[in-house]
Structure formats: C-alpha cells, structure tokens
Amino acid sequence: MFHKPATPAESDPAGPYKMRLGLWMFLFYSLFYAGFVAINLFAPLAMAEVVFAGLNLATVRVSPSVSYQFSA
C-alpha cells in the first residue's frame, strides 16, 4: 500500500533559512563535541573536577549535548 502526502509538496520559502540554521547548529555541536574530546584527550582527570552544584565537569559538559540531541 503506497501512501502519498496529504497535500502536494511545493517549494518551501523557508528552505534556505532552515539549511543555514542547520549548518550553524551542526558547526556549534561539532565544536562543542571537539572540545569535550580534547579535554578527555589532554586532561582526562579534569573531568572529575566538581564545577557546578556538586556535578563534575563530565556531567556538566555532556548535559547540553544530550538535551540538544533529543530536542531535535
């Protein structure tokens, strides 16, 4: 059974904006993740330091990354 779209697909006027936004979000996430990898590569013991409300750097650093992945 082949399901077709409810309405015919037309040109999306916001397409270029969405593409640019997606590229910026990808760049931001890539830099954020690269920083996490760099910290683990060059100073792995720094991840055990308590930095905020009793949470260590690993938890504080990964939390925005995880929430970003599941919000999209």
N, C-alpha and C. Protein backbone atom coordinates (compact mmCIF):
# COMPACT_ATOMS: atom_id res chain seq x y z
N MET A 1 0.84 -1.16 0.00
CA MET A 1 0.00 0.00 0.00
C MET A 1 0.90 1.24 0.00
N PHE A 2 0.75 2.09 -0.98
CA PHE A 2 1.58 3.28 -1.13
C PHE A 2 0.84 4.50 -0.59
N HIS A 3 1.45 5.13 0.39
CA HIS A 3 0.82 6.31 0.98
C HIS A 3 1.43 7.55 0.36
N LYS A 4 0.61 8.41 -0.14
CA LYS A 4 1.06 9.65 -0.74
C LYS A 4 0.90 10.79 0.29
N PRO A 5 1.62 11.89 0.10
CA PRO A 5 1.42 13.03 1.00
C PRO A 5 -0.02 13.55 0.93
N ALA A 6 -0.50 14.09 2.03
CA ALA A 6 -1.86 14.62 2.09
C ALA A 6 -2.04 15.78 1.12
N THR A 7 -1.00 16.58 0.96
CA THR A 7 -1.05 17.70 0.03
C THR A 7 0.18 17.63 -0.87
N PRO A 8 0.07 18.16 -2.06
CA PRO A 8 1.24 18.13 -2.94
C PRO A 8 2.38 18.99 -2.37
N ALA A 9 3.60 18.51 -2.50
CA ALA A 9 4.75 19.24 -1.99
C ALA A 9 5.06 20.42 -2.90
N GLU A 10 5.25 21.55 -2.28
CA GLU A 10 5.59 22.75 -3.02
C GLU A 10 6.95 23.26 -2.54
N SER A 11 7.42 24.29 -3.17
CA SER A 11 8.67 24.90 -2.77
C SER A 11 8.52 25.50 -1.37
N ASP A 12 9.50 25.25 -0.53
CA ASP A 12 9.48 25.77 0.83
C ASP A 12 10.21 27.11 0.87
N PRO A 13 9.51 28.22 1.08
CA PRO A 13 10.19 29.52 1.08
C PRO A 13 11.20 29.66 2.22
N ALA A 14 11.05 28.89 3.27
CA ALA A 14 11.99 28.96 4.39
C ALA A 14 13.13 27.97 4.23
N GLY A 15 13.19 27.26 3.12
CA GLY A 15 14.21 26.24 2.90
C GLY A 15 15.64 26.73 3.08
N PRO A 16 16.02 27.84 2.41
CA PRO A 16 17.40 28.33 2.58
C PRO A 16 17.71 28.72 4.04
N TYR A 17 16.74 29.31 4.73
CA TYR A 17 16.94 29.67 6.14
C TYR A 17 17.15 28.41 6.98
N LYS A 18 16.33 27.40 6.75
CA LYS A 18 16.45 26.16 7.52
C LYS A 18 17.79 25.49 7.26
N MET A 19 18.26 25.53 6.01
CA MET A 19 19.54 24.91 5.68
C MET A 19 20.68 25.65 6.39
N ARG A 20 20.64 26.98 6.36
CA ARG A 20 21.67 27.77 7.03
C ARG A 20 21.65 27.52 8.53
N LEU A 21 20.45 27.50 9.11
CA LEU A 21 20.32 27.24 10.55
C LEU A 21 20.86 25.85 10.90
N GLY A 22 20.54 24.87 10.10
CA GLY A 22 21.03 23.51 10.34
C GLY A 22 22.54 23.42 10.26
N LEU A 23 23.14 24.14 9.32
CA LEU A 23 24.60 24.14 9.21
C LEU A 23 25.25 24.81 10.42
N TRP A 24 24.66 25.91 10.89
CA TRP A 24 25.19 26.58 12.09
C TRP A 24 25.06 25.68 13.32
N MET A 25 23.92 25.00 13.44
CA MET A 25 23.73 24.10 14.58
C MET A 25 24.72 22.94 14.53
N PHE A 26 24.97 22.42 13.33
CA PHE A 26 25.94 21.34 13.17
C PHE A 26 27.34 21.83 13.54
N LEU A 27 27.70 23.03 13.10
CA LEU A 27 29.01 23.58 13.42
C LEU A 27 29.17 23.77 14.93
N PHE A 28 28.14 24.34 15.57
CA PHE A 28 28.19 24.55 17.02
C PHE A 28 28.35 23.22 17.75
N TYR A 29 27.56 22.23 17.38
CA TYR A 29 27.63 20.94 18.05
C TYR A 29 28.98 20.28 17.81
N SER A 30 29.50 20.39 16.59
CA SER A 30 30.81 19.79 16.28
C SER A 30 31.91 20.40 17.13
N LEU A 31 31.90 21.73 17.27
CA LEU A 31 32.91 22.40 18.10
C LEU A 31 32.75 22.03 19.57
N PHE A 32 31.52 21.95 20.03
CA PHE A 32 31.24 21.56 21.42
C PHE A 32 31.77 20.15 21.68
N TYR A 33 31.50 19.24 20.77
CA TYR A 33 31.94 17.85 20.93
C TYR A 33 33.46 17.76 20.82
N ALA A 34 34.06 18.52 19.90
CA ALA A 34 35.52 18.50 19.75
C ALA A 34 36.19 18.99 21.04
N GLY A 35 35.59 19.98 21.69
CA GLY A 35 36.12 20.44 22.97
C GLY A 35 36.05 19.36 24.03
N PHE A 36 34.96 18.63 24.04
CA PHE A 36 34.80 17.52 25.00
C PHE A 36 35.87 16.46 24.76
N VAL A 37 36.09 16.11 23.50
CA VAL A 37 37.10 15.11 23.16
C VAL A 37 38.49 15.62 23.52
N ALA A 38 38.76 16.91 23.25
CA ALA A 38 40.08 17.47 23.56
C ALA A 38 40.35 17.43 25.06
N ILE A 39 39.35 17.77 25.86
CA ILE A 39 39.55 17.72 27.32
C ILE A 39 39.86 16.29 27.75
N ASN A 40 39.14 15.32 27.20
CA ASN A 40 39.40 13.93 27.57
C ASN A 40 40.74 13.43 27.06
N LEU A 41 41.22 13.99 25.96
CA LEU A 41 42.49 13.57 25.40
C LEU A 41 43.67 14.15 26.17
N PHE A 42 43.60 15.45 26.48
CA PHE A 42 44.74 16.13 27.08
C PHE A 42 44.69 16.23 28.59
N ALA A 43 43.52 16.22 29.19
CA ALA A 43 43.41 16.35 30.65
C ALA A 43 42.24 15.51 31.16
N PRO A 44 42.34 14.19 31.06
CA PRO A 44 41.21 13.35 31.45
C PRO A 44 40.83 13.47 32.93
N LEU A 45 41.78 13.78 33.78
CA LEU A 45 41.46 13.91 35.21
C LEU A 45 40.63 15.16 35.49
N ALA A 46 40.64 16.10 34.57
CA ALA A 46 39.84 17.32 34.76
C ALA A 46 38.35 17.00 34.74
N MET A 47 37.97 15.91 34.13
CA MET A 47 36.56 15.53 34.06
C MET A 47 36.00 15.19 35.44
N ALA A 48 36.87 14.86 36.38
CA ALA A 48 36.41 14.50 37.72
C ALA A 48 36.24 15.72 38.62
N GLU A 49 36.68 16.89 38.19
CA GLU A 49 36.57 18.10 39.00
C GLU A 49 35.11 18.53 39.14
N VAL A 50 34.73 18.87 40.36
CA VAL A 50 33.38 19.37 40.62
C VAL A 50 33.35 20.84 40.21
N VAL A 51 32.42 21.18 39.29
CA VAL A 51 32.40 22.54 38.76
C VAL A 51 31.10 23.29 39.02
N PHE A 52 30.00 22.56 39.24
CA PHE A 52 28.73 23.25 39.40
C PHE A 52 27.76 22.38 40.20
N ALA A 53 27.29 22.88 41.31
CA ALA A 53 26.26 22.23 42.12
C ALA A 53 26.56 20.77 42.44
N GLY A 54 27.82 20.49 42.69
CA GLY A 54 28.21 19.13 43.04
C GLY A 54 28.35 18.19 41.85
N LEU A 55 28.23 18.73 40.65
CA LEU A 55 28.36 17.92 39.44
C LEU A 55 29.76 18.07 38.88
N ASN A 56 30.31 16.96 38.37
CA ASN A 56 31.64 17.04 37.80
C ASN A 56 31.59 17.58 36.37
N LEU A 57 32.76 17.90 35.83
CA LEU A 57 32.84 18.52 34.51
C LEU A 57 32.26 17.62 33.43
N ALA A 58 32.44 16.32 33.54
CA ALA A 58 31.90 15.40 32.52
C ALA A 58 30.39 15.51 32.44
N THR A 59 29.73 15.55 33.58
CA THR A 59 28.27 15.64 33.60
C THR A 59 27.79 16.99 33.09
N VAL A 60 28.43 18.06 33.53
CA VAL A 60 28.03 19.40 33.11
C VAL A 60 28.29 19.59 31.62
N ARG A 61 29.37 19.06 31.12
CA ARG A 61 29.75 19.23 29.72
C ARG A 61 28.85 18.40 28.79
N VAL A 62 28.42 17.22 29.21
CA VAL A 62 27.62 16.34 28.35
C VAL A 62 26.14 16.69 28.40
N SER A 63 25.65 17.24 29.49
CA SER A 63 24.22 17.51 29.62
C SER A 63 23.64 18.35 28.49
N PRO A 64 24.26 19.48 28.09
CA PRO A 64 23.70 20.24 26.96
C PRO A 64 23.74 19.45 25.67
N SER A 65 24.77 18.64 25.50
CA SER A 65 24.90 17.85 24.29
C SER A 65 23.77 16.83 24.16
N VAL A 66 23.45 16.17 25.26
CA VAL A 66 22.39 15.17 25.25
C VAL A 66 21.03 15.83 25.05
N SER A 67 20.79 16.94 25.74
CA SER A 67 19.49 17.60 25.59
C SER A 67 19.34 18.16 24.17
N TYR A 68 20.43 18.59 23.55
CA TYR A 68 20.37 19.09 22.17
C TYR A 68 20.00 17.96 21.21
N GLN A 69 20.57 16.80 21.41
CA GLN A 69 20.30 15.68 20.51
C GLN A 69 18.84 15.24 20.59
N PHE A 70 18.27 15.23 21.77
CA PHE A 70 16.89 14.75 21.90
C PHE A 70 15.84 15.82 21.67
N SER A 71 16.27 17.08 21.55
CA SER A 71 15.30 18.13 21.31
C SER A 71 15.00 18.29 19.83
N ALA A 72 15.89 17.82 18.98
CA ALA A 72 15.69 17.98 17.53
C ALA A 72 14.71 16.98 16.97
